[in-house]
Structures are given as structure tokens and as C-alpha cells.
């Protein structure tokens, strides 16, 4: 247990975020305590203002700003239950997105039994009702075009609320964090990620470097791998990012992938840095710890986000 906590903490430092455990593994009680502490410490921060909005802004649907600096107008909710999906961590109220994301996830979930043989998907964090920075986890997920999909297959039966709040996801990384754990990683995971990457509406897919190692071993066409990018965390779920909707000038797109399959020296560097951070982290420097950087202010977001925040 201590080893797992240390891993989460080290990866959090490297990512510049709160602990990885908060993103996928924290219980409802842990989540609530962290949210309350962050609001108390920085009540005027953008994350506190957006994180306390429980309903969407009744405005025409728009993704405003960039994936890591923006907000969402006219957000729609993914229903908590579908024939082939279940939303997890209900207490977070993060099953919101631009309508194009909702449509995409519903279609993907319907296709999952055919692609993987699973009963369906467990859907994790999407966006808050009005997007914006979050009180816990995630530098992105701010404009309603990002979604985390658990790598744990959906069970055939319906999970109750307690299970959805507290059931742990499965860590797909091997104990040395250099590859996947063969006890859990299956060809169905590869088929699912490959199918998502093939969709032109998908801008990026983020996975842990250990998972990318396994994907890079796949034979045949490699063009789909350019969208699959390694990043810290993401060993319990993979992150789907959609492109900006056509003609939506308020949405700031990400540069199109132009770096090849990413399976060479770049990936090896990610794997080695992750391994070193977990198993041989640098010793803390002597002296007082530097003060943490204040969270993002409302002024740092596009001006339209003030209207989103104030809308009924």
C-alpha cells in the first residue's frame, strides 16, 4: 500500500497535478475532503468558482478556449446509465460535455461489445457542467471535449452507487512500470484503443508510457499510433480528446499529430523518466519548501467564461 501511495505521489509531482489516485482511485470521502480544502484555501480561484457550479450554463453549446484553459457553454450530460455504459464517480458531477462528445461516447459504447466482447464501458471524468478548471485532478477537461474511459471492462450487471463511488479501477501497468501487466491487459484493450484512434473526430488519446510500450508492439499498420501519446498517470484509464467542432471559432484546436508513431527514443525516454521517478526519486532539497503556485485565476480564462459562469 505504501508503495502504491509513493508511486501516485511521485507521478503527481512529475505531472504538476494532484495525486494520480485522486483522478481514478479516490473514494467519495477522499474526494469531498480534497474539494473542501481547495475551496477553503483558494475560494476565488477559477477552479473553486467552476467547481461549485452544479448545473450547465443555459447558452448555445460552445467549447470556449483551449483544452487546458477554457470553459463550456450549453453543456449536456451523458446519462448515468446506458445499454452499454455506466458512469463512475457520480459524486463528482463530471459526466458533462459538449453535445458532440455525448454523441460520440454513446456511439462508441454501443460499438464496444462488437469491438471488445465486453458488456460495455465504464466512463470516468468528462467535464464539469460549465467546464473550466477542476478542484481535483486534470489540467485539461475544461471545454467539454475530453473524456476518461476506464480500462476495466464494464461488468454485465449494474453497479450500485457505492460501487460506482468507491470501486477501484485496475492498474494496467506492470510492477516495474516498464510494460503492461499481462494479468489484466488483453487484445481487447488494443482493439478498443485502435478503434478510437481511427475515428477522425478524435484528436488525441493519452495513455501511460507502459501502455504505449504494449501498443507499439502491435504488427501491421502503425498510422493510428501517432494519436496515442504517453503521459503520466493514465494507467487505470485512457483519455479521449475530440477535435474542435467544425466552424466553432471559440474553440482553440491542438496542433495536429505530426510526430510519427512515437515508438522510438521518445517513448523510451518517457519510460525511463517514469521508472526513475518511482524507484529512485530525487531527494528533497534542504530548507523550507517553496510556496505552491496559486491556481489559475478567472482572468486567465477567455473573457466569455465570465458569461458562462454568470449564466442561469
C-alpha atoms as a PDB file:
ATOM      1  CA  UNK A   1       0.000   0.000   0.000  1.00  0.00           C
ATOM      2  CA  UNK A   2       2.796   2.411   0.896  1.00  0.00           C
ATOM      3  CA  UNK A   3       4.494   1.588  -2.389  1.00  0.00           C
ATOM      4  CA  UNK A   4       1.323   2.396  -4.327  1.00  0.00           C
ATOM      5  CA  UNK A   5       0.887   5.699  -2.485  1.00  0.00           C
ATOM      6  CA  UNK A   6       4.519   6.641  -3.145  1.00  0.00           C
ATOM      7  CA  UNK A   7       4.090   5.885  -6.849  1.00  0.00           C
ATOM      8  CA  UNK A   8       0.993   8.067  -7.041  1.00  0.00           C
ATOM      9  CA  UNK A   9       2.699  10.906  -5.214  1.00  0.00           C
ATOM     10  CA  UNK A  10       5.825  10.820  -7.370  1.00  0.00           C
ATOM     11  CA  UNK A  11       3.839  10.745 -10.590  1.00  0.00           C
ATOM     12  CA  UNK A  12       1.781  13.646  -9.302  1.00  0.00           C
ATOM     13  CA  UNK A  13       4.891  15.750  -8.794  1.00  0.00           C
ATOM     14  CA  UNK A  14       6.062  14.960 -12.303  1.00  0.00           C
ATOM     15  CA  UNK A  15       2.682  15.797 -13.784  1.00  0.00           C
ATOM     16  CA  UNK A  16       2.314  19.001 -11.788  1.00  0.00           C
ATOM     17  CA  UNK A  17      -1.110  17.830 -10.656  1.00  0.00           C
ATOM     18  CA  UNK A  18      -2.794  16.449  -7.568  1.00  0.00           C
ATOM     19  CA  UNK A  19      -2.095  12.763  -6.860  1.00  0.00           C
ATOM     20  CA  UNK A  20      -2.917  10.303  -9.613  1.00  0.00           C
ATOM     21  CA  UNK A  21      -5.034   8.423  -7.075  1.00  0.00           C
ATOM     22  CA  UNK A  22      -7.463  11.349  -6.962  1.00  0.00           C
ATOM     23  CA  UNK A  23      -8.131  11.075 -10.683  1.00  0.00           C
ATOM     24  CA  UNK A  24      -9.226   7.448 -10.759  1.00  0.00           C
ATOM     25  CA  UNK A  25      -8.849   5.802  -7.388  1.00  0.00           C
ATOM     26  CA  UNK A  26     -10.006   8.155  -4.643  1.00  0.00           C
ATOM     27  CA  UNK A  27     -13.128   7.315  -2.683  1.00  0.00           C
ATOM     28  CA  UNK A  28     -16.061   9.684  -2.409  1.00  0.00           C
ATOM     29  CA  UNK A  29     -14.970  10.735   1.090  1.00  0.00           C
ATOM     30  CA  UNK A  30     -11.400  11.469  -0.017  1.00  0.00           C
ATOM     31  CA  UNK A  31     -12.666  13.438  -2.985  1.00  0.00           C
ATOM     32  CA  UNK A  32     -15.025  15.507  -0.816  1.00  0.00           C
ATOM     33  CA  UNK A  33     -12.280  16.356   1.686  1.00  0.00           C
ATOM     34  CA  UNK A  34      -9.872  17.459  -1.036  1.00  0.00           C
ATOM     35  CA  UNK A  35     -12.524  19.585  -2.757  1.00  0.00           C
ATOM     36  CA  UNK A  36     -13.444  21.306   0.513  1.00  0.00           C
ATOM     37  CA  UNK A  37      -9.794  22.003   1.354  1.00  0.00           C
ATOM     38  CA  UNK A  38      -9.116  23.503  -2.078  1.00  0.00           C
ATOM     39  CA  UNK A  39     -12.173  25.759  -1.905  1.00  0.00           C
ATOM     40  CA  UNK A  40     -11.223  26.934   1.575  1.00  0.00           C
ATOM     41  CA  UNK A  41      -7.646  27.725   0.557  1.00  0.00           C
ATOM     42  CA  UNK A  42      -8.376  29.445  -2.774  1.00  0.00           C
ATOM     43  CA  UNK A  43     -12.064  30.489  -2.773  1.00  0.00           C
ATOM     44  CA  UNK A  44     -11.679  32.931  -5.685  1.00  0.00           C
ATOM     45  CA  UNK A  45      -9.671  30.646  -7.931  1.00  0.00           C
ATOM     46  CA  UNK A  46     -11.272  29.630 -11.219  1.00  0.00           C
ATOM     47  CA  UNK A  47     -11.360  26.011 -10.074  1.00  0.00           C
ATOM     48  CA  UNK A  48     -13.389  26.948  -6.988  1.00  0.00           C
ATOM     49  CA  UNK A  49     -15.857  29.065  -8.973  1.00  0.00           C
ATOM     50  CA  UNK A  50     -16.427  26.493 -11.713  1.00  0.00           C
ATOM     51  CA  UNK A  51     -16.157  23.506  -9.386  1.00  0.00           C
ATOM     52  CA  UNK A  52     -19.132  24.661  -7.333  1.00  0.00           C
ATOM     53  CA  UNK A  53     -21.486  25.083 -10.310  1.00  0.00           C
ATOM     54  CA  UNK A  54     -23.829  22.085 -10.288  1.00  0.00           C
ATOM     55  CA  UNK A  55     -25.802  22.896 -13.453  1.00  0.00           C
ATOM     56  CA  UNK A  56     -24.873  23.863 -17.023  1.00  0.00           C
ATOM     57  CA  UNK A  57     -24.977  27.369 -18.450  1.00  0.00           C
ATOM     58  CA  UNK A  58     -28.190  27.742 -20.452  1.00  0.00           C
ATOM     59  CA  UNK A  59     -26.454  29.149 -23.520  1.00  0.00           C
ATOM     60  CA  UNK A  60     -25.923  27.807 -27.037  1.00  0.00           C
ATOM     61  CA  UNK A  61     -23.397  24.936 -26.950  1.00  0.00           C
ATOM     62  CA  UNK A  62     -19.834  26.184 -27.326  1.00  0.00           C
ATOM     63  CA  UNK A  63     -16.400  24.916 -26.389  1.00  0.00           C
ATOM     64  CA  UNK A  64     -14.585  28.106 -25.366  1.00  0.00           C
ATOM     65  CA  UNK A  65     -10.813  28.385 -25.222  1.00  0.00           C
ATOM     66  CA  UNK A  66      -8.289  25.554 -25.165  1.00  0.00           C
ATOM     67  CA  UNK A  67      -8.455  22.121 -23.578  1.00  0.00           C
ATOM     68  CA  UNK A  68      -6.488  23.289 -20.532  1.00  0.00           C
ATOM     69  CA  UNK A  69      -7.675  26.911 -20.368  1.00  0.00           C
ATOM     70  CA  UNK A  70     -11.346  27.367 -21.119  1.00  0.00           C
ATOM     71  CA  UNK A  71     -14.970  26.631 -20.271  1.00  0.00           C
ATOM     72  CA  UNK A  72     -18.151  25.098 -21.664  1.00  0.00           C
ATOM     73  CA  UNK A  73     -21.441  26.766 -22.592  1.00  0.00           C
ATOM     74  CA  UNK A  74     -24.597  24.746 -23.146  1.00  0.00           C
ATOM     75  CA  UNK A  75     -23.141  21.553 -21.718  1.00  0.00           C
ATOM     76  CA  UNK A  76     -25.076  18.290 -21.941  1.00  0.00           C
ATOM     77  CA  UNK A  77     -24.947  15.336 -19.557  1.00  0.00           C
ATOM     78  CA  UNK A  78     -24.101  11.783 -20.524  1.00  0.00           C
ATOM     79  CA  UNK A  79     -26.908   9.703 -18.961  1.00  0.00           C
ATOM     80  CA  UNK A  80     -25.624   7.807 -15.938  1.00  0.00           C
ATOM     81  CA  UNK A  81     -26.776   4.508 -17.451  1.00  0.00           C
ATOM     82  CA  UNK A  82     -26.954   3.255 -20.993  1.00  0.00           C
ATOM     83  CA  UNK A  83     -27.361  -0.160 -22.517  1.00  0.00           C
ATOM     84  CA  UNK A  84     -23.569  -0.452 -22.805  1.00  0.00           C
ATOM     85  CA  UNK A  85     -22.112   2.130 -20.428  1.00  0.00           C
ATOM     86  CA  UNK A  86     -22.157   3.159 -16.781  1.00  0.00           C
ATOM     87  CA  UNK A  87     -20.845   6.454 -15.430  1.00  0.00           C
ATOM     88  CA  UNK A  88     -18.459   6.177 -12.475  1.00  0.00           C
ATOM     89  CA  UNK A  89     -17.696   8.531  -9.554  1.00  0.00           C
ATOM     90  CA  UNK A  90     -21.148  10.077  -9.657  1.00  0.00           C
ATOM     91  CA  UNK A  91     -20.477  12.410  -6.749  1.00  0.00           C
ATOM     92  CA  UNK A  92     -18.022  14.405  -8.858  1.00  0.00           C
ATOM     93  CA  UNK A  93     -20.743  15.505 -11.311  1.00  0.00           C
ATOM     94  CA  UNK A  94     -18.284  15.323 -14.202  1.00  0.00           C
ATOM     95  CA  UNK A  95     -20.392  13.498 -16.774  1.00  0.00           C
ATOM     96  CA  UNK A  96     -20.853  16.703 -18.835  1.00  0.00           C
ATOM     97  CA  UNK A  97     -19.586  17.686 -22.234  1.00  0.00           C
ATOM     98  CA  UNK A  98     -20.290  19.439 -25.490  1.00  0.00           C
ATOM     99  CA  UNK A  99     -23.138  17.618 -27.295  1.00  0.00           C
ATOM    100  CA  UNK A 100     -20.663  16.265 -29.864  1.00  0.00           C
ATOM    101  CA  UNK A 101     -18.818  14.462 -27.046  1.00  0.00           C
ATOM    102  CA  UNK A 102     -22.048  12.989 -25.680  1.00  0.00           C
ATOM    103  CA  UNK A 103     -22.999  11.709 -29.140  1.00  0.00           C
ATOM    104  CA  UNK A 104     -19.519  10.304 -29.654  1.00  0.00           C
ATOM    105  CA  UNK A 105     -19.425   8.411 -26.337  1.00  0.00           C
ATOM    106  CA  UNK A 106     -22.893   6.950 -26.783  1.00  0.00           C
ATOM    107  CA  UNK A 107     -21.964   5.640 -30.233  1.00  0.00           C
ATOM    108  CA  UNK A 108     -18.610   4.307 -29.029  1.00  0.00           C
ATOM    109  CA  UNK A 109     -20.279   2.492 -26.125  1.00  0.00           C
ATOM    110  CA  UNK A 110     -22.806   0.890 -28.474  1.00  0.00           C
ATOM    111  CA  UNK A 111     -19.918  -0.396 -30.613  1.00  0.00           C
ATOM    112  CA  UNK A 112     -17.842  -1.697 -27.691  1.00  0.00           C
ATOM    113  CA  UNK A 113     -19.451  -5.149 -27.362  1.00  0.00           C
ATOM    114  CA  UNK A 114     -18.660  -5.783 -31.027  1.00  0.00           C
ATOM    115  CA  UNK A 115     -15.116  -4.404 -30.770  1.00  0.00           C
ATOM    116  CA  UNK A 116     -14.075  -5.978 -27.475  1.00  0.00           C
ATOM    117  CA  UNK A 117     -16.603  -8.574 -26.384  1.00  0.00           C
ATOM    118  CA  UNK A 118     -17.155  -6.565 -23.199  1.00  0.00           C
ATOM    119  CA  UNK A 119     -20.603  -5.699 -21.915  1.00  0.00           C
ATOM    120  CA  UNK A 120     -19.730  -2.016 -22.318  1.00  0.00           C
ATOM    121  CA  UNK A 121     -17.704   0.904 -20.953  1.00  0.00           C
ATOM    122  CA  UNK A 122     -17.154   2.404 -17.543  1.00  0.00           C
ATOM    123  CA  UNK A 123     -16.947   6.146 -18.143  1.00  0.00           C
ATOM    124  CA  UNK A 124     -14.879   8.287 -15.781  1.00  0.00           C
ATOM    125  CA  UNK A 125     -14.341  12.037 -15.685  1.00  0.00           C
ATOM    126  CA  UNK A 126     -15.534  14.158 -18.584  1.00  0.00           C
ATOM    127  CA  UNK A 127     -16.117  17.846 -17.764  1.00  0.00           C
ATOM    128  CA  UNK A 128     -17.942  19.829 -15.114  1.00  0.00           C
ATOM    129  CA  UNK A 129     -21.373  21.283 -16.001  1.00  0.00           C
ATOM    130  CA  UNK A 130     -19.727  24.527 -17.149  1.00  0.00           C
ATOM    131  CA  UNK A 131     -16.296  23.124 -17.847  1.00  0.00           C
ATOM    132  CA  UNK A 132     -13.412  25.173 -16.518  1.00  0.00           C
ATOM    133  CA  UNK A 133     -10.610  24.122 -14.156  1.00  0.00           C
ATOM    134  CA  UNK A 134     -11.407  21.354 -11.684  1.00  0.00           C
ATOM    135  CA  UNK A 135     -10.996  21.261  -7.929  1.00  0.00           C
ATOM    136  CA  UNK A 136      -9.244  17.878  -8.103  1.00  0.00           C
ATOM    137  CA  UNK A 137      -7.205  16.291 -10.868  1.00  0.00           C
ATOM    138  CA  UNK A 138      -6.942  17.215 -14.536  1.00  0.00           C
ATOM    139  CA  UNK A 139      -5.230  20.186 -16.080  1.00  0.00           C
ATOM    140  CA  UNK A 140      -7.435  19.720 -19.142  1.00  0.00           C
ATOM    141  CA  UNK A 141     -11.090  18.528 -19.466  1.00  0.00           C
ATOM    142  CA  UNK A 142     -12.102  22.209 -19.464  1.00  0.00           C
ATOM    143  CA  UNK A 143     -14.089  22.682 -22.695  1.00  0.00           C
ATOM    144  CA  UNK A 144     -16.259  19.574 -22.828  1.00  0.00           C
ATOM    145  CA  UNK A 145     -14.262  17.604 -25.401  1.00  0.00           C
ATOM    146  CA  UNK A 146     -12.241  15.276 -23.126  1.00  0.00           C
ATOM    147  CA  UNK A 147     -13.341  12.012 -21.517  1.00  0.00           C
ATOM    148  CA  UNK A 148     -11.652   9.314 -19.441  1.00  0.00           C
ATOM    149  CA  UNK A 149     -12.685   5.741 -20.195  1.00  0.00           C
ATOM    150  CA  UNK A 150     -11.771   3.075 -17.683  1.00  0.00           C
ATOM    151  CA  UNK A 151      -9.628   0.182 -18.853  1.00  0.00           C
ATOM    152  CA  UNK A 152     -11.634  -2.036 -16.504  1.00  0.00           C
ATOM    153  CA  UNK A 153     -14.375  -3.676 -18.598  1.00  0.00           C
ATOM    154  CA  UNK A 154     -17.947  -2.909 -17.602  1.00  0.00           C
ATOM    155  CA  UNK A 155     -19.487  -5.852 -15.718  1.00  0.00           C
ATOM    156  CA  UNK A 156     -22.650  -7.415 -17.107  1.00  0.00           C
ATOM    157  CA  UNK A 157     -24.646  -6.399 -14.036  1.00  0.00           C
ATOM    158  CA  UNK A 158     -25.415  -2.862 -12.913  1.00  0.00           C
ATOM    159  CA  UNK A 159     -23.109  -1.390 -10.276  1.00  0.00           C
ATOM    160  CA  UNK A 160     -24.805   0.257  -7.313  1.00  0.00           C
ATOM    161  CA  UNK A 161     -23.956   3.787  -6.228  1.00  0.00           C
ATOM    162  CA  UNK A 162     -21.472   2.692  -3.556  1.00  0.00           C
ATOM    163  CA  UNK A 163     -19.555   0.635  -6.117  1.00  0.00           C
ATOM    164  CA  UNK A 164     -19.531   3.480  -8.598  1.00  0.00           C
ATOM    165  CA  UNK A 165     -18.103   5.837  -5.986  1.00  0.00           C
ATOM    166  CA  UNK A 166     -15.515   3.552  -4.432  1.00  0.00           C
ATOM    167  CA  UNK A 167     -14.743   0.548  -6.647  1.00  0.00           C
ATOM    168  CA  UNK A 168     -11.051   0.682  -7.610  1.00  0.00           C
ATOM    169  CA  UNK A 169     -10.032   0.589 -11.240  1.00  0.00           C
ATOM    170  CA  UNK A 170      -7.440  -1.929 -12.404  1.00  0.00           C
ATOM    171  CA  UNK A 171      -3.833  -0.769 -12.787  1.00  0.00           C
ATOM    172  CA  UNK A 172      -2.719  -1.957 -16.221  1.00  0.00           C
ATOM    173  CA  UNK A 173       0.980  -1.183 -15.661  1.00  0.00           C
ATOM    174  CA  UNK A 174       3.405  -3.921 -14.657  1.00  0.00           C
ATOM    175  CA  UNK A 175       5.037  -3.655 -11.248  1.00  0.00           C
ATOM    176  CA  UNK A 176       8.232  -2.188 -12.754  1.00  0.00           C
ATOM    177  CA  UNK A 177       6.204   0.341 -14.798  1.00  0.00           C
ATOM    178  CA  UNK A 178       8.060  -0.539 -17.996  1.00  0.00           C
ATOM    179  CA  UNK A 179       5.279  -2.530 -19.657  1.00  0.00           C
ATOM    180  CA  UNK A 180       1.696  -3.709 -19.173  1.00  0.00           C
ATOM    181  CA  UNK A 181       0.627  -6.282 -16.615  1.00  0.00           C
ATOM    182  CA  UNK A 182      -0.222  -9.433 -18.626  1.00  0.00           C
ATOM    183  CA  UNK A 183      -2.714 -10.493 -15.967  1.00  0.00           C
ATOM    184  CA  UNK A 184      -5.034  -7.655 -16.976  1.00  0.00           C
ATOM    185  CA  UNK A 185      -4.013  -6.265 -20.356  1.00  0.00           C
ATOM    186  CA  UNK A 186      -5.721  -8.084 -23.229  1.00  0.00           C
ATOM    187  CA  UNK A 187      -6.048  -7.890 -27.015  1.00  0.00           C
ATOM    188  CA  UNK A 188      -9.466  -6.323 -26.427  1.00  0.00           C
ATOM    189  CA  UNK A 189      -7.764  -3.259 -24.914  1.00  0.00           C
ATOM    190  CA  UNK A 190      -5.676  -2.901 -28.065  1.00  0.00           C
ATOM    191  CA  UNK A 191      -8.709  -3.264 -30.335  1.00  0.00           C
ATOM    192  CA  UNK A 192     -10.609  -0.619 -28.394  1.00  0.00           C
ATOM    193  CA  UNK A 193      -7.821   1.974 -28.428  1.00  0.00           C
ATOM    194  CA  UNK A 194      -7.084   1.260 -32.088  1.00  0.00           C
ATOM    195  CA  UNK A 195     -10.757   1.766 -32.991  1.00  0.00           C
ATOM    196  CA  UNK A 196     -10.902   5.055 -31.088  1.00  0.00           C
ATOM    197  CA  UNK A 197      -7.718   6.294 -32.765  1.00  0.00           C
ATOM    198  CA  UNK A 198      -9.154   5.505 -36.200  1.00  0.00           C
ATOM    199  CA  UNK A 199     -12.039   7.942 -35.726  1.00  0.00           C
ATOM    200  CA  UNK A 200     -11.285  11.286 -37.432  1.00  0.00           C
ATOM    201  CA  UNK A 201     -13.171  13.126 -34.674  1.00  0.00           C
ATOM    202  CA  UNK A 202     -10.509  12.031 -32.158  1.00  0.00           C
ATOM    203  CA  UNK A 203      -7.649  14.497 -31.714  1.00  0.00           C
ATOM    204  CA  UNK A 204      -5.517  12.627 -29.142  1.00  0.00           C
ATOM    205  CA  UNK A 205      -5.524   9.578 -26.908  1.00  0.00           C
ATOM    206  CA  UNK A 206      -3.424   9.665 -23.741  1.00  0.00           C
ATOM    207  CA  UNK A 207      -2.104   6.514 -22.057  1.00  0.00           C
ATOM    208  CA  UNK A 208       0.610   5.693 -19.555  1.00  0.00           C
ATOM    209  CA  UNK A 209       4.044   5.136 -21.146  1.00  0.00           C
ATOM    210  CA  UNK A 210       3.893   1.483 -20.054  1.00  0.00           C
ATOM    211  CA  UNK A 211       0.703   1.026 -22.064  1.00  0.00           C
ATOM    212  CA  UNK A 212       2.173   2.736 -25.107  1.00  0.00           C
ATOM    213  CA  UNK A 213       5.007   0.188 -24.996  1.00  0.00           C
ATOM    214  CA  UNK A 214       2.469  -2.602 -25.480  1.00  0.00           C
ATOM    215  CA  UNK A 215       0.631  -0.749 -28.242  1.00  0.00           C
ATOM    216  CA  UNK A 216       3.877  -0.175 -30.117  1.00  0.00           C
ATOM    217  CA  UNK A 217       4.402  -3.948 -30.345  1.00  0.00           C
ATOM    218  CA  UNK A 218       1.279  -4.371 -32.462  1.00  0.00           C
ATOM    219  CA  UNK A 219       2.018  -5.540 -36.016  1.00  0.00           C
ATOM    220  CA  UNK A 220       0.643  -4.104 -39.224  1.00  0.00           C
ATOM    221  CA  UNK A 221      -0.494  -0.568 -39.936  1.00  0.00           C
ATOM    222  CA  UNK A 222       1.021   1.910 -37.485  1.00  0.00           C
ATOM    223  CA  UNK A 223      -0.650   5.129 -38.610  1.00  0.00           C
ATOM    224  CA  UNK A 224      -3.132   5.071 -35.708  1.00  0.00           C
ATOM    225  CA  UNK A 225      -0.314   5.210 -33.153  1.00  0.00           C
ATOM    226  CA  UNK A 226       0.512   8.859 -33.898  1.00  0.00           C
ATOM    227  CA  UNK A 227      -2.579   9.964 -31.942  1.00  0.00           C
ATOM    228  CA  UNK A 228      -1.715   7.793 -28.919  1.00  0.00           C
ATOM    229  CA  UNK A 229       0.521   9.864 -26.680  1.00  0.00           C
ATOM    230  CA  UNK A 230       2.312   8.823 -23.442  1.00  0.00           C
ATOM    231  CA  UNK A 231       1.643  10.820 -20.302  1.00  0.00           C
ATOM    232  CA  UNK A 232       1.941  10.349 -16.525  1.00  0.00           C
ATOM    233  CA  UNK A 233      -0.933   8.629 -14.772  1.00  0.00           C
ATOM    234  CA  UNK A 234      -3.410   7.073 -17.230  1.00  0.00           C
ATOM    235  CA  UNK A 235      -2.595   3.554 -16.089  1.00  0.00           C
ATOM    236  CA  UNK A 236      -6.219   2.973 -14.951  1.00  0.00           C
ATOM    237  CA  UNK A 237      -7.958   4.661 -17.858  1.00  0.00           C
ATOM    238  CA  UNK A 238      -7.275   6.147 -21.265  1.00  0.00           C
ATOM    239  CA  UNK A 239      -8.116   9.716 -22.149  1.00  0.00           C
ATOM    240  CA  UNK A 240     -10.039  10.547 -25.331  1.00  0.00           C
ATOM    241  CA  UNK A 241      -9.812  14.093 -26.711  1.00  0.00           C
ATOM    242  CA  UNK A 242     -12.039  15.173 -29.578  1.00  0.00           C
ATOM    243  CA  UNK A 243     -11.172  17.787 -32.184  1.00  0.00           C
ATOM    244  CA  UNK A 244     -12.842  21.189 -32.047  1.00  0.00           C
ATOM    245  CA  UNK A 245     -16.296  21.063 -33.655  1.00  0.00           C
ATOM    246  CA  UNK A 246     -16.275  22.304 -37.253  1.00  0.00           C
ATOM    247  CA  UNK A 247     -16.771  26.041 -37.579  1.00  0.00           C
ATOM    248  CA  UNK A 248     -16.538  26.730 -33.827  1.00  0.00           C
ATOM    249  CA  UNK A 249     -14.203  29.731 -33.723  1.00  0.00           C
ATOM    250  CA  UNK A 250     -14.328  29.919 -29.916  1.00  0.00           C
ATOM    251  CA  UNK A 251     -12.559  26.552 -29.622  1.00  0.00           C
ATOM    252  CA  UNK A 252      -8.751  26.623 -29.767  1.00  0.00           C
ATOM    253  CA  UNK A 253      -7.511  23.473 -31.551  1.00  0.00           C
ATOM    254  CA  UNK A 254      -4.424  21.496 -30.697  1.00  0.00           C
ATOM    255  CA  UNK A 255      -1.688  21.071 -33.264  1.00  0.00           C
ATOM    256  CA  UNK A 256      -2.421  18.032 -35.411  1.00  0.00           C
ATOM    257  CA  UNK A 257      -0.208  14.995 -34.709  1.00  0.00           C
ATOM    258  CA  UNK A 258       2.897  15.247 -36.867  1.00  0.00           C
ATOM    259  CA  UNK A 259       5.483  13.296 -34.886  1.00  0.00           C
ATOM    260  CA  UNK A 260       5.113   9.762 -36.268  1.00  0.00           C
ATOM    261  CA  UNK A 261       4.193   6.723 -34.208  1.00  0.00           C
ATOM    262  CA  UNK A 262       6.173   7.861 -31.139  1.00  0.00           C
ATOM    263  CA  UNK A 263       7.531   4.369 -30.507  1.00  0.00           C
ATOM    264  CA  UNK A 264      11.257   5.060 -30.570  1.00  0.00           C
ATOM    265  CA  UNK A 265      13.584   7.148 -28.440  1.00  0.00           C
ATOM    266  CA  UNK A 266      10.793   9.462 -27.298  1.00  0.00           C
ATOM    267  CA  UNK A 267       8.847   6.609 -25.697  1.00  0.00           C
ATOM    268  CA  UNK A 268      11.991   5.104 -24.186  1.00  0.00           C
ATOM    269  CA  UNK A 269      12.666   8.446 -22.524  1.00  0.00           C
ATOM    270  CA  UNK A 270       9.170   8.576 -21.028  1.00  0.00           C
ATOM    271  CA  UNK A 271       9.556   5.039 -19.670  1.00  0.00           C
ATOM    272  CA  UNK A 272      12.947   5.722 -18.112  1.00  0.00           C
ATOM    273  CA  UNK A 273      11.880   9.015 -16.530  1.00  0.00           C
ATOM    274  CA  UNK A 274       8.818   7.368 -15.055  1.00  0.00           C
ATOM    275  CA  UNK A 275      10.819   4.428 -13.698  1.00  0.00           C
ATOM    276  CA  UNK A 276      13.401   6.744 -12.144  1.00  0.00           C
ATOM    277  CA  UNK A 277      10.756   8.968 -10.579  1.00  0.00           C
ATOM    278  CA  UNK A 278       9.061   5.998  -8.930  1.00  0.00           C
ATOM    279  CA  UNK A 279      12.015   3.891  -7.846  1.00  0.00           C
ATOM    280  CA  UNK A 280      14.821   6.433  -7.483  1.00  0.00           C
ATOM    281  CA  UNK A 281      13.222   9.830  -6.915  1.00  0.00           C
ATOM    282  CA  UNK A 282      15.462  12.839  -6.233  1.00  0.00           C
ATOM    283  CA  UNK A 283      15.964  13.709  -2.611  1.00  0.00           C
ATOM    284  CA  UNK A 284      14.156  16.865  -1.480  1.00  0.00           C
ATOM    285  CA  UNK A 285      16.319  19.936  -1.333  1.00  0.00           C
ATOM    286  CA  UNK A 286      17.203  21.175   2.156  1.00  0.00           C
ATOM    287  CA  UNK A 287      15.486  24.212   3.568  1.00  0.00           C
ATOM    288  CA  UNK A 288      11.894  25.372   3.552  1.00  0.00           C
ATOM    289  CA  UNK A 289       9.622  24.139   0.808  1.00  0.00           C
ATOM    290  CA  UNK A 290       8.737  26.730  -1.837  1.00  0.00           C
ATOM    291  CA  UNK A 291       5.219  28.091  -1.669  1.00  0.00           C
ATOM    292  CA  UNK A 292       2.847  26.347  -4.070  1.00  0.00           C
ATOM    293  CA  UNK A 293       1.927  28.254  -7.186  1.00  0.00           C
ATOM    294  CA  UNK A 294      -1.563  29.800  -6.916  1.00  0.00           C
ATOM    295  CA  UNK A 295      -4.180  28.020  -9.035  1.00  0.00           C
ATOM    296  CA  UNK A 296      -5.478  29.535 -12.256  1.00  0.00           C
ATOM    297  CA  UNK A 297      -7.473  32.751 -11.827  1.00  0.00           C
ATOM    298  CA  UNK A 298     -10.665  33.620 -13.656  1.00  0.00           C
ATOM    299  CA  UNK A 299      -8.740  36.338 -15.517  1.00  0.00           C
ATOM    300  CA  UNK A 300      -6.555  33.636 -17.076  1.00  0.00           C
ATOM    301  CA  UNK A 301      -9.549  32.172 -18.919  1.00  0.00           C
ATOM    302  CA  UNK A 302     -11.165  33.596 -22.072  1.00  0.00           C
ATOM    303  CA  UNK A 303     -13.425  36.589 -21.259  1.00  0.00           C
ATOM    304  CA  UNK A 304     -16.507  34.644 -22.400  1.00  0.00           C
ATOM    305  CA  UNK A 305     -16.049  32.332 -19.423  1.00  0.00           C
ATOM    306  CA  UNK A 306     -17.318  35.063 -17.126  1.00  0.00           C
ATOM    307  CA  UNK A 307     -20.592  34.995 -19.027  1.00  0.00           C
ATOM    308  CA  UNK A 308     -20.683  31.200 -18.744  1.00  0.00           C
ATOM    309  CA  UNK A 309     -20.101  31.421 -15.021  1.00  0.00           C
ATOM    310  CA  UNK A 310     -22.828  34.054 -14.523  1.00  0.00           C
ATOM    311  CA  UNK A 311     -25.458  32.495 -16.818  1.00  0.00           C
ATOM    312  CA  UNK A 312     -28.600  30.916 -15.296  1.00  0.00           C
END
